[in-house]
Amino acid sequence: MNLLLPVLVSALSMSGTALCGQTAPATAYTRPASTSSPDREWLVHRFDAWVTSRVDAAVARPANNDAGGIAWGLSYQLNALAQMLQATGDPKYADLFIRLGDHVLAARDDHRNLTDELRKRVVPAWSSTRYSKGRRNAWAVHTGMIAEPMAHFAVAVRADARLHQRFAGDADRFAGAAAESAAVHDDEYREGPGPDESYLFGLFLDKPLPLNQQNAPARVWIRLAQLTAEKQYTERAGRLARFMKNRLRVGADGACEWAYWPGLDGPGTAFEDVSHAAINADFLTLCYERRIVFQKADVDRVARTFLTRVMVAPTTVSDTLSGKGKTNTYAYAPFSWGRLARHSPEVRDRLLAYARYRAGQGEPSDSELCGLAYLVAALRDRP
């Protein structure tokens, strides 16, 4: 989608232009402000107690994604800040995002003159050598994890007149960077196997990517679709959403389940781990909010998955979507399912209780910061 970049830049440069390209998000469940305020204040306080020091520590040392440290670390801080900015409208989160975001952008391959060894060129993405036998490769999932918060930041700024007045240039810059990075993976996009499906084909793996590695970059397309009227972003996200939907299974208990790596020919029988599955659950819920393929019944089934297959007890997290076997390997993972809290009061209350429990265990993980931000949004969404 390289040809779409001028269109995006043009759309972003139109100061004051409303978001376009998608209908309004589905209505989220929220509690009355009178009952949500104490919980919300506690969430914001806990978030604020940690986030500034995290950003300070991150920008104090060089960033690189050689071992996936940005994709699986700093991206969660960016995500948390973008979520909190949209939930509260507080410009202090924009200031923190810009500090960290610029630090991450400076580590992109085109700023370090690093050559992607599979593409034989320098690309505007964050390559890694850890997952490709020492060869430098820009993974689609890494781009998705890093670029989505950048595009989301732009969405949040442009949706708020006060933020837009102050941060419009920064929003345009991060949105443009996200679009450039997403376009790197055009060479991995494939249509099929169904007439309304598409998937991403891994260059290093030489086969279709696992669901989470496809859906992470698809979230970037959804955000970019909110910033421009270009239909191809939505169309591609929709085709990947149908690919996923056609590979979901519904258990006897009504919960949704899926494999980490279903084949082109069907859903398979395996169960994804709850950590990687969080990316897919978030993609599905974001699609529903933007009215792309998935419906309320799908979100309700995934909420049931969270309540019965992920959090199998108030402080116990299953390792896989089976809800059976080992537990608490991914004790941080429930927070990355937090977007569901906007659409299910049961998920919201379970995750809030878990957040309070985890607060007694010490310093929050970066995933937990994301969860706190999701819960702030769930308790009181801004218009």
Protein backbone atom coordinates (compact mmCIF):
# COMPACT_ATOMS: atom_id res chain seq x y z
CA MET A 1 0.00 0.00 0.00
CA ASN A 2 2.88 2.42 -0.64
CA LEU A 3 0.68 4.38 -3.03
CA LEU A 4 -1.64 5.15 -0.12
CA LEU A 5 0.95 7.15 1.80
CA PRO A 6 0.40 10.45 -0.08
CA VAL A 7 -3.35 10.05 0.47
CA LEU A 8 -2.83 9.54 4.19
CA VAL A 9 -0.48 12.50 4.53
CA SER A 10 -2.94 14.69 2.64
CA ALA A 11 -5.79 13.62 4.88
CA LEU A 12 -3.76 14.25 8.03
CA SER A 13 -2.64 17.68 6.93
CA MET A 14 -6.25 18.92 6.70
CA SER A 15 -6.36 20.58 10.11
CA GLY A 16 -9.63 20.07 11.92
CA THR A 17 -10.91 17.38 9.56
CA ALA A 18 -13.08 14.80 11.30
CA LEU A 19 -12.09 11.17 11.37
CA CYS A 20 -13.34 9.37 8.31
CA GLY A 21 -13.39 5.99 6.65
CA GLN A 22 -15.43 4.18 9.30
CA THR A 23 -18.72 4.45 11.10
CA ALA A 24 -18.83 5.25 14.79
CA PRO A 25 -17.68 2.55 17.22
CA ALA A 26 -20.20 0.21 18.74
CA THR A 27 -21.62 1.49 22.00
CA ALA A 28 -19.65 0.25 25.00
CA TYR A 29 -21.07 -0.71 28.37
CA THR A 30 -20.16 1.81 31.05
CA ARG A 31 -21.12 2.13 34.68
CA PRO A 32 -22.65 5.40 35.92
CA ALA A 33 -19.94 7.87 36.84
CA SER A 34 -21.14 8.02 40.45
CA THR A 35 -20.25 4.36 41.03
CA SER A 36 -17.21 4.15 38.77
CA SER A 37 -15.31 7.20 40.07
CA PRO A 38 -13.47 5.60 43.02
CA ASP A 39 -12.28 2.66 40.92
CA ARG A 40 -11.29 4.96 38.09
CA GLU A 41 -9.35 7.27 40.39
CA TRP A 42 -7.48 4.29 41.83
CA LEU A 43 -6.61 3.02 38.33
CA VAL A 44 -5.33 6.41 37.20
CA HIS A 45 -3.31 6.82 40.40
CA ARG A 46 -1.65 3.42 40.00
CA PHE A 47 -0.93 4.09 36.34
CA ASP A 48 0.57 7.51 37.07
CA ALA A 49 2.68 6.12 39.89
CA TRP A 50 4.69 4.03 37.44
CA VAL A 51 4.41 5.25 33.87
CA THR A 52 6.70 8.30 34.00
CA SER A 53 9.57 6.36 35.55
CA ARG A 54 9.13 3.67 32.90
CA VAL A 55 9.42 6.21 30.11
CA ASP A 56 12.37 7.92 31.81
CA ALA A 57 14.20 4.59 32.07
CA ALA A 58 13.42 3.67 28.46
CA VAL A 59 14.68 6.89 26.88
CA ALA A 60 17.80 6.88 29.05
CA ARG A 61 19.27 3.95 27.13
CA PRO A 62 19.52 3.11 23.41
CA ALA A 63 16.60 1.18 21.98
CA ASN A 64 16.81 -1.60 19.44
CA ASN A 65 14.62 -4.48 18.39
CA ASP A 66 17.37 -6.98 17.61
CA ALA A 67 15.97 -9.39 20.20
CA GLY A 68 12.39 -8.11 19.99
CA GLY A 69 12.78 -5.73 22.92
CA ILE A 70 10.76 -2.91 21.39
CA ALA A 71 7.99 -5.11 19.99
CA TRP A 72 7.53 -7.08 23.22
CA GLY A 73 8.47 -4.35 25.65
CA LEU A 74 8.31 -0.65 24.78
CA SER A 75 5.33 -1.15 22.48
CA TYR A 76 3.21 -2.00 25.53
CA GLN A 77 4.17 1.29 27.13
CA LEU A 78 3.22 3.11 23.93
CA ASN A 79 -0.05 1.22 23.81
CA ALA A 80 -0.84 2.05 27.42
CA LEU A 81 -0.15 5.76 26.86
CA ALA A 82 -2.26 5.91 23.69
CA GLN A 83 -5.13 4.14 25.45
CA MET A 84 -4.90 6.43 28.47
CA LEU A 85 -4.73 9.53 26.28
CA GLN A 86 -7.92 8.55 24.50
CA ALA A 87 -9.66 7.56 27.75
CA THR A 88 -8.83 10.75 29.66
CA GLY A 89 -7.81 13.46 27.20
CA ASP A 90 -5.01 14.43 29.59
CA PRO A 91 -2.15 16.02 27.59
CA LYS A 92 0.48 14.71 30.01
CA TYR A 93 0.04 11.30 28.37
CA ALA A 94 0.62 12.85 24.95
CA ASP A 95 3.86 14.41 26.20
CA LEU A 96 5.03 11.05 27.52
CA PHE A 97 3.99 9.27 24.34
CA ILE A 98 5.95 11.70 22.17
CA ARG A 99 9.10 11.28 24.26
CA LEU A 100 8.95 7.50 24.05
CA GLY A 101 7.62 7.38 20.51
CA ASP A 102 10.42 9.53 19.14
CA HIS A 103 12.92 7.31 20.96
CA VAL A 104 11.41 4.25 19.29
CA LEU A 105 11.28 5.90 15.87
CA ALA A 106 14.98 6.73 16.16
CA ALA A 107 15.63 2.99 16.47
CA ARG A 108 13.87 2.13 13.21
CA ASP A 109 16.07 0.45 10.62
CA ASP A 110 16.05 3.37 8.18
CA HIS A 111 17.52 5.57 10.93
CA ARG A 112 20.20 2.98 11.72
CA ASN A 113 21.00 2.02 8.13
CA LEU A 114 20.27 -1.66 8.78
CA THR A 115 19.52 -3.90 5.81
CA ASP A 116 16.70 -6.42 5.93
CA GLU A 117 18.49 -9.54 4.73
CA LEU A 118 15.39 -11.15 3.27
CA ARG A 119 14.20 -8.06 1.40
CA LYS A 120 17.75 -7.01 0.45
CA ARG A 121 17.11 -3.37 1.35
CA VAL A 122 16.76 -0.97 4.24
CA VAL A 123 13.11 -0.73 5.29
CA PRO A 124 11.24 1.65 7.64
CA ALA A 125 10.56 -1.02 10.25
CA TRP A 126 12.21 -2.57 13.31
CA SER A 127 14.04 -5.74 12.28
CA SER A 128 15.19 -8.55 14.52
CA THR A 129 17.81 -11.28 14.32
CA ARG A 130 16.59 -13.39 17.21
CA TYR A 131 13.75 -15.23 15.48
CA SER A 132 15.33 -15.83 12.09
CA LYS A 133 18.53 -17.76 12.79
CA GLY A 134 20.67 -14.64 12.94
CA ARG A 135 19.37 -13.15 9.69
CA ARG A 136 17.96 -9.66 9.97
CA ASN A 137 14.25 -9.64 9.18
CA ALA A 138 11.41 -7.19 9.80
CA TRP A 139 8.60 -9.32 11.20
CA ALA A 140 5.05 -8.23 10.50
CA VAL A 141 4.01 -8.88 14.08
CA HIS A 142 6.75 -6.59 15.40
CA THR A 143 5.69 -3.81 13.04
CA GLY A 144 2.12 -4.29 14.16
CA MET A 145 2.90 -4.15 17.85
CA ILE A 146 5.00 -0.97 17.47
CA ALA A 147 3.12 0.95 14.76
CA GLU A 148 -0.44 0.43 16.04
CA PRO A 149 0.01 2.64 19.12
CA MET A 150 1.51 5.34 16.89
CA ALA A 151 -1.54 5.36 14.64
CA HIS A 152 -3.79 5.14 17.69
CA PHE A 153 -2.09 8.21 19.16
CA ALA A 154 -3.00 10.10 15.99
CA VAL A 155 -6.60 8.90 16.24
CA ALA A 156 -6.84 10.06 19.86
CA VAL A 157 -5.36 13.49 19.10
CA ARG A 158 -7.57 14.13 16.09
CA ALA A 159 -10.71 13.11 18.02
CA ASP A 160 -10.13 15.81 20.68
CA ALA A 161 -10.12 19.47 19.64
CA ARG A 162 -7.90 20.53 22.54
CA LEU A 163 -5.35 17.80 21.88
CA HIS A 164 -5.46 18.46 18.14
CA GLN A 165 -4.69 22.13 18.61
CA ARG A 166 -1.53 21.29 20.54
CA PHE A 167 -0.35 17.99 19.07
CA ALA A 168 -1.57 17.94 15.45
CA GLY A 169 1.95 17.94 14.02
CA ASP A 170 3.02 15.08 16.24
CA ALA A 171 -0.08 13.11 15.34
CA ASP A 172 0.63 13.56 11.63
CA ARG A 173 4.23 12.49 12.13
CA PHE A 174 3.41 9.30 14.01
CA ALA A 175 0.57 8.40 11.65
CA GLY A 176 2.87 8.84 8.67
CA ALA A 177 5.51 6.67 10.32
CA ALA A 178 2.93 3.98 11.05
CA ALA A 179 1.77 3.99 7.43
CA GLU A 180 5.34 3.73 6.14
CA SER A 181 6.08 0.81 8.43
CA ALA A 182 2.85 -1.03 7.64
CA ALA A 183 3.56 -0.74 3.91
CA VAL A 184 6.78 -2.73 4.36
CA HIS A 185 4.68 -5.89 4.64
CA ASP A 186 2.74 -5.46 1.42
CA ASP A 187 5.03 -8.16 0.03
CA GLU A 188 3.58 -10.63 2.55
CA TYR A 189 -0.11 -9.99 1.79
CA ARG A 190 -1.94 -12.82 0.00
CA GLU A 191 -5.59 -13.14 -0.99
CA GLY A 192 -7.41 -16.41 -0.27
CA PRO A 193 -7.83 -19.22 0.34
CA GLY A 194 -11.53 -18.32 0.63
CA PRO A 195 -13.01 -15.78 -1.79
CA ASP A 196 -13.39 -13.19 0.99
CA GLU A 197 -10.24 -14.06 2.97
CA SER A 198 -6.61 -12.96 3.03
CA TYR A 199 -3.56 -13.81 5.12
CA LEU A 200 0.09 -12.85 5.52
CA PHE A 201 2.82 -15.12 4.21
CA GLY A 202 6.02 -15.09 6.28
CA LEU A 203 9.12 -14.48 4.19
CA PHE A 204 11.47 -16.22 6.60
CA LEU A 205 9.08 -19.02 7.54
CA ASP A 206 8.05 -19.51 3.90
CA LYS A 207 4.46 -20.26 4.90
CA PRO A 208 1.38 -18.44 6.25
CA LEU A 209 1.97 -16.69 9.55
CA PRO A 210 0.24 -17.61 12.84
CA LEU A 211 -2.95 -15.70 13.59
CA ASN A 212 -1.40 -13.26 16.04
CA GLN A 213 1.38 -12.39 13.61
CA GLN A 214 -1.22 -11.50 10.99
CA ASN A 215 -3.65 -9.67 13.22
CA ALA A 216 -1.09 -7.41 14.91
CA PRO A 217 -0.35 -5.53 11.64
CA ALA A 218 -4.04 -5.66 10.69
CA ARG A 219 -4.73 -3.50 13.75
CA VAL A 220 -2.49 -0.84 12.20
CA TRP A 221 -4.63 -0.90 9.05
CA ILE A 222 -7.75 -0.38 11.18
CA ARG A 223 -6.22 2.66 12.85
CA LEU A 224 -5.05 4.08 9.53
CA ALA A 225 -8.56 3.59 8.16
CA GLN A 226 -9.76 5.90 10.94
CA LEU A 227 -7.41 8.60 9.65
CA THR A 228 -8.14 8.50 5.94
CA ALA A 229 -11.01 7.65 3.61
CA GLU A 230 -8.80 5.14 1.77
CA LYS A 231 -10.92 1.97 1.65
CA GLN A 232 -8.10 -0.50 1.09
CA TYR A 233 -7.03 -0.39 4.72
CA THR A 234 -10.48 -1.47 5.86
CA GLU A 235 -10.84 -4.01 3.07
CA ARG A 236 -7.60 -5.75 3.94
CA ALA A 237 -8.37 -5.77 7.65
CA GLY A 238 -11.78 -7.21 6.85
CA ARG A 239 -10.34 -10.00 4.76
CA LEU A 240 -7.95 -10.99 7.55
CA ALA A 241 -10.85 -10.79 10.00
CA ARG A 242 -12.82 -13.26 7.87
CA PHE A 243 -9.78 -15.53 7.71
CA MET A 244 -9.73 -15.59 11.50
CA LYS A 245 -13.49 -15.89 11.93
CA ASN A 246 -13.57 -18.91 9.63
CA ARG A 247 -10.99 -20.60 11.86
CA LEU A 248 -12.66 -20.03 15.21
CA ARG A 249 -14.32 -22.85 17.11
CA VAL A 250 -17.15 -22.65 19.64
CA GLY A 251 -16.81 -25.04 22.58
CA ALA A 252 -19.65 -26.91 24.23
CA ASP A 253 -19.66 -24.21 26.94
CA GLY A 254 -20.24 -21.48 24.36
CA ALA A 255 -16.70 -20.08 24.66
CA CYS A 256 -14.68 -19.21 21.60
CA GLU A 257 -11.43 -21.09 21.01
CA TRP A 258 -8.76 -21.22 18.33
CA ALA A 259 -5.32 -22.56 17.49
CA TYR A 260 -2.07 -20.61 17.51
CA TRP A 261 -1.38 -21.63 13.92
CA PRO A 262 -4.48 -22.89 12.10
CA GLY A 263 -3.97 -24.01 8.54
CA LEU A 264 -5.34 -22.58 5.36
CA ASP A 265 -7.74 -25.53 5.21
CA GLY A 266 -9.50 -25.09 8.55
CA PRO A 267 -9.41 -24.27 12.27
CA GLY A 268 -7.51 -27.28 13.58
CA THR A 269 -7.91 -28.67 17.08
CA ALA A 270 -5.09 -27.07 19.11
CA PHE A 271 -5.43 -24.27 21.70
CA GLU A 272 -3.40 -21.06 21.56
CA ASP A 273 -1.57 -19.86 24.65
CA VAL A 274 -3.41 -17.03 26.39
CA SER A 275 -0.56 -14.55 25.85
CA HIS A 276 -0.46 -14.66 22.04
CA ALA A 277 -4.23 -15.16 22.03
CA ALA A 278 -4.63 -11.72 23.61
CA ILE A 279 -3.50 -10.12 20.33
CA ASN A 280 -6.20 -12.01 18.45
CA ALA A 281 -8.87 -11.22 21.04
CA ASP A 282 -7.93 -7.54 20.86
CA PHE A 283 -8.06 -7.58 17.05
CA LEU A 284 -11.48 -9.22 17.09
CA THR A 285 -12.82 -6.68 19.59
CA LEU A 286 -11.32 -3.73 17.72
CA CYS A 287 -12.92 -5.03 14.51
CA TYR A 288 -16.27 -5.14 16.30
CA GLU A 289 -15.82 -1.57 17.53
CA ARG A 290 -15.15 -0.45 13.94
CA ARG A 291 -17.96 -2.66 12.56
CA ILE A 292 -15.63 -4.89 10.59
CA VAL A 293 -16.88 -8.50 10.18
CA PHE A 294 -17.24 -9.42 13.86
CA GLN A 295 -20.53 -8.92 15.70
CA LYS A 296 -21.67 -8.66 19.30
CA ALA A 297 -22.23 -12.43 19.50
CA ASP A 298 -18.55 -12.97 18.64
CA VAL A 299 -17.40 -10.56 21.34
CA ASP A 300 -19.73 -12.20 23.87
CA ARG A 301 -18.20 -15.61 23.11
CA VAL A 302 -14.68 -14.24 23.51
CA ALA A 303 -15.74 -12.62 26.80
CA ARG A 304 -16.89 -16.05 27.92
CA THR A 305 -13.49 -17.41 26.91
CA PHE A 306 -11.84 -14.84 29.14
CA LEU A 307 -14.13 -15.59 32.08
CA THR A 308 -13.95 -19.40 31.90
CA ARG A 309 -10.84 -20.32 29.89
CA VAL A 310 -8.34 -17.53 30.68
CA MET A 311 -9.13 -16.44 34.24
CA VAL A 312 -10.14 -19.84 35.57
CA ALA A 313 -10.19 -18.49 39.15
CA PRO A 314 -9.93 -14.96 40.59
CA THR A 315 -6.11 -15.09 40.72
CA THR A 316 -5.42 -18.06 38.44
CA VAL A 317 -4.64 -17.73 34.74
CA SER A 318 -4.75 -20.76 32.45
CA ASP A 319 -1.80 -21.25 30.12
CA THR A 320 -3.99 -22.02 27.09
CA LEU A 321 -7.47 -21.41 25.75
CA SER A 322 -8.42 -24.92 26.81
CA GLY A 323 -8.75 -23.63 30.35
CA LYS A 324 -7.06 -26.81 31.55
CA GLY A 325 -3.60 -27.90 32.59
CA LYS A 326 -0.81 -25.56 33.68
CA THR A 327 -1.55 -22.13 35.08
CA ASN A 328 0.01 -18.73 35.76
CA THR A 329 2.88 -18.99 33.26
CA TYR A 330 1.34 -15.89 31.68
CA ALA A 331 0.00 -14.18 34.79
CA TYR A 332 0.39 -10.81 33.04
CA ALA A 333 -1.68 -11.82 29.99
CA PRO A 334 -5.24 -11.01 31.17
CA PHE A 335 -4.48 -7.30 31.02
CA SER A 336 -3.91 -7.50 27.27
CA TRP A 337 -7.48 -8.80 26.91
CA GLY A 338 -8.66 -5.54 28.46
CA ARG A 339 -10.47 -4.07 25.45
CA LEU A 340 -13.20 -6.59 26.18
CA ALA A 341 -13.92 -4.74 29.44
CA ARG A 342 -15.71 -2.03 27.48
CA HIS A 343 -18.25 -4.55 26.26
CA SER A 344 -18.72 -6.90 29.20
CA PRO A 345 -19.32 -5.79 32.80
CA GLU A 346 -18.30 -9.26 33.96
CA VAL A 347 -14.92 -8.98 32.22
CA ARG A 348 -14.51 -5.45 33.56
CA ASP A 349 -15.17 -6.46 37.15
CA ARG A 350 -13.03 -9.60 36.97
CA LEU A 351 -10.10 -7.68 35.51
CA LEU A 352 -10.49 -4.83 38.00
CA ALA A 353 -10.40 -7.30 40.89
CA TYR A 354 -7.32 -8.92 39.37
CA ALA A 355 -5.65 -5.52 39.00
CA ARG A 356 -6.20 -4.82 42.68
CA TYR A 357 -4.80 -8.24 43.57
CA ARG A 358 -1.73 -7.68 41.39
CA ALA A 359 -1.16 -4.29 43.00
CA GLY A 360 -0.33 -6.17 46.16
CA GLN A 361 2.30 -8.20 44.32
CA GLY A 362 4.56 -5.22 43.56
CA GLU A 363 5.62 -3.37 40.42
CA PRO A 364 3.23 -3.68 37.45
CA SER A 365 4.31 -5.18 34.16
CA ASP A 366 3.99 -3.13 30.97
CA SER A 367 1.03 -5.35 30.04
CA GLU A 368 -0.57 -4.41 33.33
CA LEU A 369 -0.21 -0.73 32.48
CA CYS A 370 -2.19 -1.47 29.31
CA GLY A 371 -4.84 -3.20 31.39
CA LEU A 372 -5.15 -0.24 33.75
CA ALA A 373 -5.72 2.04 30.74
CA TYR A 374 -8.31 -0.32 29.25
CA LEU A 375 -10.17 -0.33 32.56
CA VAL A 376 -10.15 3.46 32.78
CA ALA A 377 -11.79 3.52 29.35
CA ALA A 378 -14.28 0.84 30.37
CA LEU A 379 -15.36 2.70 33.48
CA ARG A 380 -15.94 5.97 31.72
CA ASP A 381 -15.51 6.27 27.97
CA ARG A 382 -14.99 9.73 26.63
CA PRO A 383 -17.43 10.69 23.84
